[in-house]
């Protein structure tokens, strides 16, 4: 490889952060030569020696000169070339400058990575804040929904209480239905109570509601045929209350938007039905 090619290769390797020593080893030239190429200086042809030390110089300066001489000899032995003191000092300084440059580059790289990490953490924090705000909104919606459900339950309980009181008043003048209608009445009570605590669909509620409406129609017709009064038959009021409760269940399906619901019977009216033996 030509000298000019070696020089260009040395400059290229130095730009890539390779130290002078490694460049010299890779190209098979002296370390000083590499330094001179990179710093656009000419090779030193004349050999200069360290000035003789005066006998009257301080001991500390003598020690420094001795160390410098030892350093020169060490470099000469390592690279098998002659170097004067100024070239050796300049070479050492260039090496230190090069290392400092590499350290600065590394520090700049670490700074950029730190800034990128900060930006990523900031974005992550913003995303978490948005998710938290969304969760708060959803929680507030659920709270309002539960309030509406509780209001509806309270209204139903009040209504059931009124109807239950009516049943108690009418029970003192109760008259008996015929056997067929009594069986129909008992079956409707049983079908209604079987809905408690089970997963039911709106189709099931509609079916039971249809059966209750039919039973009410038949009982009303029978009372009219026997020239009786509806108020004399508490079974009619009970089935009417069951019908209203089933309609409330249908409304609950509409409000919730669910396909399957579970109902708990805990009103005074429902507790009264469960306490009676309709099996």
C-alpha atoms as a PDB file:
ATOM      1  CA  UNK A   1       0.000   0.000   0.000  1.00  0.00           C
ATOM      2  CA  UNK A   2       1.369   3.454  -0.934  1.00  0.00           C
ATOM      3  CA  UNK A   3       2.322   5.981   1.734  1.00  0.00           C
ATOM      4  CA  UNK A   4      -0.479   8.346   0.681  1.00  0.00           C
ATOM      5  CA  UNK A   5      -2.965   5.464   0.926  1.00  0.00           C
ATOM      6  CA  UNK A   6      -1.664   4.609   4.393  1.00  0.00           C
ATOM      7  CA  UNK A   7      -1.998   8.238   5.435  1.00  0.00           C
ATOM      8  CA  UNK A   8      -5.613   8.424   4.198  1.00  0.00           C
ATOM      9  CA  UNK A   9      -6.417   5.121   5.916  1.00  0.00           C
ATOM     10  CA  UNK A  10      -4.903   6.442   9.180  1.00  0.00           C
ATOM     11  CA  UNK A  11      -7.012   9.620   9.005  1.00  0.00           C
ATOM     12  CA  UNK A  12     -10.137   7.542   8.324  1.00  0.00           C
ATOM     13  CA  UNK A  13      -9.495   5.227  11.294  1.00  0.00           C
ATOM     14  CA  UNK A  14      -8.861   8.215  13.560  1.00  0.00           C
ATOM     15  CA  UNK A  15     -12.191   9.737  12.518  1.00  0.00           C
ATOM     16  CA  UNK A  16     -13.822   6.456  13.535  1.00  0.00           C
ATOM     17  CA  UNK A  17     -12.450   6.836  17.063  1.00  0.00           C
ATOM     18  CA  UNK A  18      -9.472   4.425  16.808  1.00  0.00           C
ATOM     19  CA  UNK A  19      -6.483   5.365  18.994  1.00  0.00           C
ATOM     20  CA  UNK A  20      -3.092   6.201  17.514  1.00  0.00           C
ATOM     21  CA  UNK A  21      -1.495   3.078  18.948  1.00  0.00           C
ATOM     22  CA  UNK A  22      -4.049   0.749  17.367  1.00  0.00           C
ATOM     23  CA  UNK A  23      -3.829   2.600  14.028  1.00  0.00           C
ATOM     24  CA  UNK A  24      -0.055   2.220  14.030  1.00  0.00           C
ATOM     25  CA  UNK A  25      -0.351  -1.487  14.842  1.00  0.00           C
ATOM     26  CA  UNK A  26      -2.958  -2.067  12.137  1.00  0.00           C
ATOM     27  CA  UNK A  27      -1.037  -0.196   9.388  1.00  0.00           C
ATOM     28  CA  UNK A  28       2.413  -1.438  10.473  1.00  0.00           C
ATOM     29  CA  UNK A  29       3.909   2.033  10.985  1.00  0.00           C
ATOM     30  CA  UNK A  30       5.192   4.003  13.933  1.00  0.00           C
ATOM     31  CA  UNK A  31       2.905   5.741  16.377  1.00  0.00           C
ATOM     32  CA  UNK A  32       4.636   9.078  15.758  1.00  0.00           C
ATOM     33  CA  UNK A  33       4.131   8.685  12.039  1.00  0.00           C
ATOM     34  CA  UNK A  34       0.429   8.226  12.599  1.00  0.00           C
ATOM     35  CA  UNK A  35       0.349  11.338  14.778  1.00  0.00           C
ATOM     36  CA  UNK A  36       2.224  13.405  12.130  1.00  0.00           C
ATOM     37  CA  UNK A  37      -0.069  12.205   9.345  1.00  0.00           C
ATOM     38  CA  UNK A  38      -3.209  13.045  11.217  1.00  0.00           C
ATOM     39  CA  UNK A  39      -1.995  16.433  12.424  1.00  0.00           C
ATOM     40  CA  UNK A  40      -0.512  17.373   8.980  1.00  0.00           C
ATOM     41  CA  UNK A  41       3.030  17.645  10.236  1.00  0.00           C
ATOM     42  CA  UNK A  42       6.193  16.435   8.595  1.00  0.00           C
ATOM     43  CA  UNK A  43       8.213  13.640   9.985  1.00  0.00           C
ATOM     44  CA  UNK A  44      11.135  14.666  12.143  1.00  0.00           C
ATOM     45  CA  UNK A  45      14.390  13.584  10.517  1.00  0.00           C
ATOM     46  CA  UNK A  46      16.890  15.004  12.933  1.00  0.00           C
ATOM     47  CA  UNK A  47      17.409  13.402  16.256  1.00  0.00           C
ATOM     48  CA  UNK A  48      17.423  15.620  19.287  1.00  0.00           C
ATOM     49  CA  UNK A  49      18.618  14.548  22.647  1.00  0.00           C
ATOM     50  CA  UNK A  50      17.555  15.572  26.080  1.00  0.00           C
ATOM     51  CA  UNK A  51      19.798  18.466  27.311  1.00  0.00           C
ATOM     52  CA  UNK A  52      22.309  17.575  29.902  1.00  0.00           C
ATOM     53  CA  UNK A  53      21.108  18.307  33.366  1.00  0.00           C
ATOM     54  CA  UNK A  54      22.861  20.983  35.338  1.00  0.00           C
ATOM     55  CA  UNK A  55      24.226  20.053  38.690  1.00  0.00           C
ATOM     56  CA  UNK A  56      22.580  22.999  40.312  1.00  0.00           C
ATOM     57  CA  UNK A  57      18.967  22.189  39.307  1.00  0.00           C
ATOM     58  CA  UNK A  58      16.534  21.235  42.100  1.00  0.00           C
ATOM     59  CA  UNK A  59      16.149  17.562  42.942  1.00  0.00           C
ATOM     60  CA  UNK A  60      12.463  17.637  41.981  1.00  0.00           C
ATOM     61  CA  UNK A  61      13.325  18.836  38.481  1.00  0.00           C
ATOM     62  CA  UNK A  62      15.982  16.172  38.232  1.00  0.00           C
ATOM     63  CA  UNK A  63      13.401  13.557  39.079  1.00  0.00           C
ATOM     64  CA  UNK A  64      11.048  14.936  36.379  1.00  0.00           C
ATOM     65  CA  UNK A  65      13.830  14.789  33.801  1.00  0.00           C
ATOM     66  CA  UNK A  66      14.687  11.264  34.831  1.00  0.00           C
ATOM     67  CA  UNK A  67      11.033  10.214  34.486  1.00  0.00           C
ATOM     68  CA  UNK A  68      10.843  11.909  31.085  1.00  0.00           C
ATOM     69  CA  UNK A  69      13.994  10.113  30.014  1.00  0.00           C
ATOM     70  CA  UNK A  70      12.560   6.811  31.174  1.00  0.00           C
ATOM     71  CA  UNK A  71       9.357   7.514  29.251  1.00  0.00           C
ATOM     72  CA  UNK A  72      11.345   8.316  26.106  1.00  0.00           C
ATOM     73  CA  UNK A  73      13.342   5.099  26.447  1.00  0.00           C
ATOM     74  CA  UNK A  74      10.150   3.120  26.975  1.00  0.00           C
ATOM     75  CA  UNK A  75       8.629   4.484  23.776  1.00  0.00           C
ATOM     76  CA  UNK A  76      11.816   3.905  21.831  1.00  0.00           C
ATOM     77  CA  UNK A  77      11.913   0.292  22.974  1.00  0.00           C
ATOM     78  CA  UNK A  78       8.223  -0.203  22.181  1.00  0.00           C
ATOM     79  CA  UNK A  79       8.171   1.313  18.680  1.00  0.00           C
ATOM     80  CA  UNK A  80      11.886   0.983  17.780  1.00  0.00           C
ATOM     81  CA  UNK A  81      12.113   4.611  16.569  1.00  0.00           C
ATOM     82  CA  UNK A  82      13.958   7.708  17.731  1.00  0.00           C
ATOM     83  CA  UNK A  83      11.752  10.425  19.286  1.00  0.00           C
ATOM     84  CA  UNK A  84      12.688  13.772  20.723  1.00  0.00           C
ATOM     85  CA  UNK A  85      11.067  15.098  23.883  1.00  0.00           C
ATOM     86  CA  UNK A  86       8.773  17.593  22.169  1.00  0.00           C
ATOM     87  CA  UNK A  87       7.441  14.969  19.759  1.00  0.00           C
ATOM     88  CA  UNK A  88       6.800  12.569  22.602  1.00  0.00           C
ATOM     89  CA  UNK A  89       4.948  15.220  24.608  1.00  0.00           C
ATOM     90  CA  UNK A  90       2.931  16.264  21.538  1.00  0.00           C
ATOM     91  CA  UNK A  91       2.112  12.639  20.831  1.00  0.00           C
ATOM     92  CA  UNK A  92       0.948  12.067  24.389  1.00  0.00           C
ATOM     93  CA  UNK A  93      -1.109  15.251  24.270  1.00  0.00           C
ATOM     94  CA  UNK A  94      -2.715  14.193  20.985  1.00  0.00           C
ATOM     95  CA  UNK A  95      -3.613  10.828  22.493  1.00  0.00           C
ATOM     96  CA  UNK A  96      -5.171  12.519  25.508  1.00  0.00           C
ATOM     97  CA  UNK A  97      -7.071  14.956  23.255  1.00  0.00           C
ATOM     98  CA  UNK A  98      -8.325  12.045  21.204  1.00  0.00           C
ATOM     99  CA  UNK A  99      -9.483  10.142  24.278  1.00  0.00           C
ATOM    100  CA  UNK A 100     -11.151  13.291  25.606  1.00  0.00           C
ATOM    101  CA  UNK A 101     -12.948  13.716  22.287  1.00  0.00           C
ATOM    102  CA  UNK A 102     -14.201  10.133  22.475  1.00  0.00           C
ATOM    103  CA  UNK A 103     -15.387  10.659  26.049  1.00  0.00           C
ATOM    104  CA  UNK A 104     -17.256  13.800  24.983  1.00  0.00           C
ATOM    105  CA  UNK A 105     -18.914  11.878  22.153  1.00  0.00           C
ATOM    106  CA  UNK A 106     -19.934   9.149  24.598  1.00  0.00           C
ATOM    107  CA  UNK A 107     -21.315  11.721  27.044  1.00  0.00           C
ATOM    108  CA  UNK A 108     -23.310  13.344  24.252  1.00  0.00           C
ATOM    109  CA  UNK A 109     -24.695   9.959  23.229  1.00  0.00           C
ATOM    110  CA  UNK A 110     -25.735   9.227  26.818  1.00  0.00           C
ATOM    111  CA  UNK A 111     -27.343  12.670  27.077  1.00  0.00           C
ATOM    112  CA  UNK A 112     -29.386  12.057  23.929  1.00  0.00           C
ATOM    113  CA  UNK A 113     -30.475   8.634  25.200  1.00  0.00           C
ATOM    114  CA  UNK A 114     -31.499  10.196  28.523  1.00  0.00           C
ATOM    115  CA  UNK A 115     -33.568  12.858  26.744  1.00  0.00           C
ATOM    116  CA  UNK A 116     -35.242  10.216  24.578  1.00  0.00           C
ATOM    117  CA  UNK A 117     -36.063   8.197  27.696  1.00  0.00           C
ATOM    118  CA  UNK A 118     -37.553  11.296  29.339  1.00  0.00           C
ATOM    119  CA  UNK A 119     -39.762  11.928  26.293  1.00  0.00           C
ATOM    120  CA  UNK A 120     -40.933   8.301  26.308  1.00  0.00           C
ATOM    121  CA  UNK A 121     -41.703   8.442  30.043  1.00  0.00           C
ATOM    122  CA  UNK A 122     -43.652  11.688  29.537  1.00  0.00           C
ATOM    123  CA  UNK A 123     -45.765  10.109  26.793  1.00  0.00           C
ATOM    124  CA  UNK A 124     -46.385   7.073  28.996  1.00  0.00           C
ATOM    125  CA  UNK A 125     -47.466   9.334  31.863  1.00  0.00           C
ATOM    126  CA  UNK A 126     -49.855  11.217  29.575  1.00  0.00           C
ATOM    127  CA  UNK A 127     -51.387   7.957  28.363  1.00  0.00           C
ATOM    128  CA  UNK A 128     -51.875   6.740  31.938  1.00  0.00           C
ATOM    129  CA  UNK A 129     -53.517  10.064  32.829  1.00  0.00           C
ATOM    130  CA  UNK A 130     -55.959   9.675  29.924  1.00  0.00           C
ATOM    131  CA  UNK A 131     -56.780   6.108  30.959  1.00  0.00           C
ATOM    132  CA  UNK A 132     -57.367   7.234  34.536  1.00  0.00           C
ATOM    133  CA  UNK A 133     -59.683  10.012  33.408  1.00  0.00           C
ATOM    134  CA  UNK A 134     -61.625   7.554  31.240  1.00  0.00           C
ATOM    135  CA  UNK A 135     -61.949   5.159  34.187  1.00  0.00           C
ATOM    136  CA  UNK A 136     -63.273   7.999  36.364  1.00  0.00           C
ATOM    137  CA  UNK A 137     -65.928   8.834  33.772  1.00  0.00           C
ATOM    138  CA  UNK A 138     -66.998   5.195  33.488  1.00  0.00           C
ATOM    139  CA  UNK A 139     -67.142   4.873  37.282  1.00  0.00           C
ATOM    140  CA  UNK A 140     -69.345   7.954  37.526  1.00  0.00           C
ATOM    141  CA  UNK A 141     -71.672   6.522  34.883  1.00  0.00           C
ATOM    142  CA  UNK A 142     -71.934   3.263  36.834  1.00  0.00           C
ATOM    143  CA  UNK A 143     -72.672   5.194  40.031  1.00  0.00           C
ATOM    144  CA  UNK A 144     -75.510   7.113  38.380  1.00  0.00           C
ATOM    145  CA  UNK A 145     -76.863   3.876  36.940  1.00  0.00           C
ATOM    146  CA  UNK A 146     -76.899   2.274  40.396  1.00  0.00           C
ATOM    147  CA  UNK A 147     -78.706   5.300  41.773  1.00  0.00           C
ATOM    148  CA  UNK A 148     -81.440   4.887  39.153  1.00  0.00           C
ATOM    149  CA  UNK A 149     -81.713   1.172  39.941  1.00  0.00           C
ATOM    150  CA  UNK A 150     -82.005   1.874  43.674  1.00  0.00           C
ATOM    151  CA  UNK A 151     -84.701   4.463  43.059  1.00  0.00           C
ATOM    152  CA  UNK A 152     -86.632   1.979  40.923  1.00  0.00           C
ATOM    153  CA  UNK A 153     -86.290  -0.692  43.612  1.00  0.00           C
ATOM    154  CA  UNK A 154     -87.536   1.673  46.311  1.00  0.00           C
ATOM    155  CA  UNK A 155     -90.520   2.649  44.189  1.00  0.00           C
ATOM    156  CA  UNK A 156     -91.326  -0.997  43.560  1.00  0.00           C
ATOM    157  CA  UNK A 157     -91.086  -1.793  47.274  1.00  0.00           C
ATOM    158  CA  UNK A 158     -93.445   1.050  48.129  1.00  0.00           C
ATOM    159  CA  UNK A 159     -95.878  -0.098  45.497  1.00  0.00           C
ATOM    160  CA  UNK A 160     -95.660  -3.687  46.710  1.00  0.00           C
ATOM    161  CA  UNK A 161     -96.287  -2.522  50.255  1.00  0.00           C
ATOM    162  CA  UNK A 162     -99.477  -0.758  49.212  1.00  0.00           C
ATOM    163  CA  UNK A 163    -100.697  -3.797  47.300  1.00  0.00           C
ATOM    164  CA  UNK A 164     -99.796  -6.084  50.201  1.00  0.00           C
ATOM    165  CA  UNK A 165    -101.879  -3.947  52.527  1.00  0.00           C
ATOM    166  CA  UNK A 166    -104.765  -4.209  50.103  1.00  0.00           C
ATOM    167  CA  UNK A 167    -104.438  -7.990  50.177  1.00  0.00           C
ATOM    168  CA  UNK A 168    -104.585  -7.967  53.969  1.00  0.00           C
ATOM    169  CA  UNK A 169    -107.738  -5.839  53.939  1.00  0.00           C
ATOM    170  CA  UNK A 170    -109.459  -8.053  51.397  1.00  0.00           C
ATOM    171  CA  UNK A 171    -108.459 -11.275  53.123  1.00  0.00           C
ATOM    172  CA  UNK A 172    -111.084 -10.717  55.830  1.00  0.00           C
ATOM    173  CA  UNK A 173    -113.861 -11.112  53.259  1.00  0.00           C
ATOM    174  CA  UNK A 174    -112.203 -13.698  51.074  1.00  0.00           C
ATOM    175  CA  UNK A 175    -114.322 -15.935  48.893  1.00  0.00           C
ATOM    176  CA  UNK A 176    -113.166 -19.128  47.235  1.00  0.00           C
ATOM    177  CA  UNK A 177    -112.513 -19.604  43.520  1.00  0.00           C
ATOM    178  CA  UNK A 178    -113.573 -22.785  41.876  1.00  0.00           C
ATOM    179  CA  UNK A 179    -111.042 -25.641  41.842  1.00  0.00           C
ATOM    180  CA  UNK A 180    -109.784 -25.074  38.282  1.00  0.00           C
ATOM    181  CA  UNK A 181    -109.129 -21.384  38.797  1.00  0.00           C
ATOM    182  CA  UNK A 182    -107.553 -22.044  42.184  1.00  0.00           C
ATOM    183  CA  UNK A 183    -105.142 -24.470  40.499  1.00  0.00           C
ATOM    184  CA  UNK A 184    -104.351 -21.905  37.818  1.00  0.00           C
ATOM    185  CA  UNK A 185    -103.756 -19.283  40.495  1.00  0.00           C
ATOM    186  CA  UNK A 186    -101.442 -21.567  42.479  1.00  0.00           C
ATOM    187  CA  UNK A 187     -99.449 -22.477  39.352  1.00  0.00           C
ATOM    188  CA  UNK A 188     -98.949 -18.801  38.500  1.00  0.00           C
ATOM    189  CA  UNK A 189     -97.617 -18.114  41.990  1.00  0.00           C
ATOM    190  CA  UNK A 190     -95.224 -21.053  41.667  1.00  0.00           C
ATOM    191  CA  UNK A 191     -93.998 -19.953  38.200  1.00  0.00           C
ATOM    192  CA  UNK A 192     -93.375 -16.446  39.476  1.00  0.00           C
ATOM    193  CA  UNK A 193     -91.451 -17.551  42.579  1.00  0.00           C
ATOM    194  CA  UNK A 194     -89.295 -19.916  40.484  1.00  0.00           C
ATOM    195  CA  UNK A 195     -87.776 -16.869  38.778  1.00  0.00           C
ATOM    196  CA  UNK A 196     -85.969 -15.829  41.974  1.00  0.00           C
ATOM    197  CA  UNK A 197     -82.193 -16.221  41.976  1.00  0.00           C
ATOM    198  CA  UNK A 198     -82.071 -17.767  38.505  1.00  0.00           C
ATOM    199  CA  UNK A 199     -80.583 -16.478  35.270  1.00  0.00           C
ATOM    200  CA  UNK A 200     -83.602 -15.654  33.137  1.00  0.00           C
ATOM    201  CA  UNK A 201     -84.090 -14.122  29.721  1.00  0.00           C
ATOM    202  CA  UNK A 202     -86.661 -11.564  28.719  1.00  0.00           C
ATOM    203  CA  UNK A 203     -88.397 -14.288  26.699  1.00  0.00           C
ATOM    204  CA  UNK A 204     -88.962 -16.258  29.907  1.00  0.00           C
ATOM    205  CA  UNK A 205     -90.392 -13.166  31.639  1.00  0.00           C
ATOM    206  CA  UNK A 206     -92.689 -12.493  28.675  1.00  0.00           C
ATOM    207  CA  UNK A 207     -93.943 -16.095  28.789  1.00  0.00           C
ATOM    208  CA  UNK A 208     -94.760 -15.975  32.516  1.00  0.00           C
ATOM    209  CA  UNK A 209     -96.341 -12.534  32.050  1.00  0.00           C
ATOM    210  CA  UNK A 210     -98.554 -13.883  29.281  1.00  0.00           C
ATOM    211  CA  UNK A 211     -99.702 -16.768  31.494  1.00  0.00           C
ATOM    212  CA  UNK A 212    -100.541 -14.377  34.362  1.00  0.00           C
ATOM    213  CA  UNK A 213    -102.525 -12.091  32.076  1.00  0.00           C
ATOM    214  CA  UNK A 214    -104.500 -15.064  30.804  1.00  0.00           C
ATOM    215  CA  UNK A 215    -105.213 -16.215  34.381  1.00  0.00           C
ATOM    216  CA  UNK A 216    -106.436 -12.719  35.309  1.00  0.00           C
ATOM    217  CA  UNK A 217    -108.717 -12.677  32.302  1.00  0.00           C
ATOM    218  CA  UNK A 218    -110.226 -16.069  33.176  1.00  0.00           C
ATOM    219  CA  UNK A 219    -110.726 -15.183  36.866  1.00  0.00           C
ATOM    220  CA  UNK A 220    -112.326 -11.872  35.959  1.00  0.00           C
ATOM    221  CA  UNK A 221    -114.682 -13.597  33.542  1.00  0.00           C
ATOM    222  CA  UNK A 222    -115.608 -16.235  36.139  1.00  0.00           C
ATOM    223  CA  UNK A 223    -116.321 -13.577  38.797  1.00  0.00           C
ATOM    224  CA  UNK A 224    -118.556 -11.753  36.329  1.00  0.00           C
ATOM    225  CA  UNK A 225    -120.413 -14.976  35.424  1.00  0.00           C
ATOM    226  CA  UNK A 226    -120.987 -15.744  39.113  1.00  0.00           C
ATOM    227  CA  UNK A 227    -122.171 -12.175  39.725  1.00  0.00           C
ATOM    228  CA  UNK A 228    -119.429 -11.644  42.279  1.00  0.00           C
ATOM    229  CA  UNK A 229    -117.129  -8.720  42.987  1.00  0.00           C
ATOM    230  CA  UNK A 230    -113.433  -8.608  42.173  1.00  0.00           C
ATOM    231  CA  UNK A 231    -112.702  -7.117  45.601  1.00  0.00           C
ATOM    232  CA  UNK A 232    -114.078 -10.310  47.177  1.00  0.00           C
ATOM    233  CA  UNK A 233    -111.268 -12.381  45.644  1.00  0.00           C
ATOM    234  CA  UNK A 234    -107.766 -11.438  46.835  1.00  0.00           C
ATOM    235  CA  UNK A 235    -106.282 -13.896  44.325  1.00  0.00           C
ATOM    236  CA  UNK A 236    -107.124 -11.403  41.586  1.00  0.00           C
ATOM    237  CA  UNK A 237    -105.222  -8.612  43.387  1.00  0.00           C
ATOM    238  CA  UNK A 238    -102.264 -10.926  43.994  1.00  0.00           C
ATOM    239  CA  UNK A 239    -102.027 -11.898  40.336  1.00  0.00           C
ATOM    240  CA  UNK A 240    -102.359  -8.263  39.317  1.00  0.00           C
ATOM    241  CA  UNK A 241     -99.423  -7.405  41.594  1.00  0.00           C
ATOM    242  CA  UNK A 242     -97.410 -10.258  40.060  1.00  0.00           C
ATOM    243  CA  UNK A 243     -98.244  -8.888  36.604  1.00  0.00           C
ATOM    244  CA  UNK A 244     -96.984  -5.422  37.595  1.00  0.00           C
ATOM    245  CA  UNK A 245     -93.795  -6.947  39.032  1.00  0.00           C
ATOM    246  CA  UNK A 246     -93.149  -8.848  35.791  1.00  0.00           C
ATOM    247  CA  UNK A 247     -93.618  -5.655  33.795  1.00  0.00           C
ATOM    248  CA  UNK A 248     -91.016  -3.979  36.027  1.00  0.00           C
ATOM    249  CA  UNK A 249     -88.654  -6.848  35.193  1.00  0.00           C
ATOM    250  CA  UNK A 250     -89.161  -6.181  31.494  1.00  0.00           C
ATOM    251  CA  UNK A 251     -88.298  -2.515  32.079  1.00  0.00           C
ATOM    252  CA  UNK A 252     -85.152  -3.594  33.914  1.00  0.00           C
ATOM    253  CA  UNK A 253     -84.046  -5.581  30.868  1.00  0.00           C
ATOM    254  CA  UNK A 254     -84.567  -2.494  28.715  1.00  0.00           C
ATOM    255  CA  UNK A 255     -82.616  -0.255  31.108  1.00  0.00           C
ATOM    256  CA  UNK A 256     -79.682  -2.610  31.546  1.00  0.00           C
ATOM    257  CA  UNK A 257     -79.385  -3.747  27.930  1.00  0.00           C
ATOM    258  CA  UNK A 258     -78.480  -7.223  29.193  1.00  0.00           C
ATOM    259  CA  UNK A 259     -79.773 -10.490  27.716  1.00  0.00           C
ATOM    260  CA  UNK A 260     -79.812 -12.367  31.022  1.00  0.00           C
ATOM    261  CA  UNK A 261     -80.623 -11.067  34.512  1.00  0.00           C
ATOM    262  CA  UNK A 262     -80.950 -12.499  38.032  1.00  0.00           C
ATOM    263  CA  UNK A 263     -83.762 -11.228  40.299  1.00  0.00           C
ATOM    264  CA  UNK A 264     -83.913 -11.304  44.089  1.00  0.00           C
ATOM    265  CA  UNK A 265     -87.334 -11.236  45.772  1.00  0.00           C
ATOM    266  CA  UNK A 266     -87.122  -9.285  49.002  1.00  0.00           C
ATOM    267  CA  UNK A 267     -90.172  -6.995  49.063  1.00  0.00           C
ATOM    268  CA  UNK A 268     -92.896  -7.530  51.674  1.00  0.00           C
ATOM    269  CA  UNK A 269     -95.241  -8.753  48.961  1.00  0.00           C
ATOM    270  CA  UNK A 270     -92.750 -11.347  47.672  1.00  0.00           C
ATOM    271  CA  UNK A 271     -91.780 -12.453  51.162  1.00  0.00           C
ATOM    272  CA  UNK A 272     -95.464 -12.984  51.906  1.00  0.00           C
ATOM    273  CA  UNK A 273     -95.845 -15.108  48.776  1.00  0.00           C
ATOM    274  CA  UNK A 274     -92.809 -17.241  49.735  1.00  0.00           C
ATOM    275  CA  UNK A 275     -94.076 -17.727  53.283  1.00  0.00           C
ATOM    276  CA  UNK A 276     -97.388 -19.145  52.031  1.00  0.00           C
ATOM    277  CA  UNK A 277     -97.508 -22.774  50.874  1.00  0.00           C
ATOM    278  CA  UNK A 278     -98.345 -22.796  47.165  1.00  0.00           C
ATOM    279  CA  UNK A 279     -96.641 -26.076  46.267  1.00  0.00           C
END
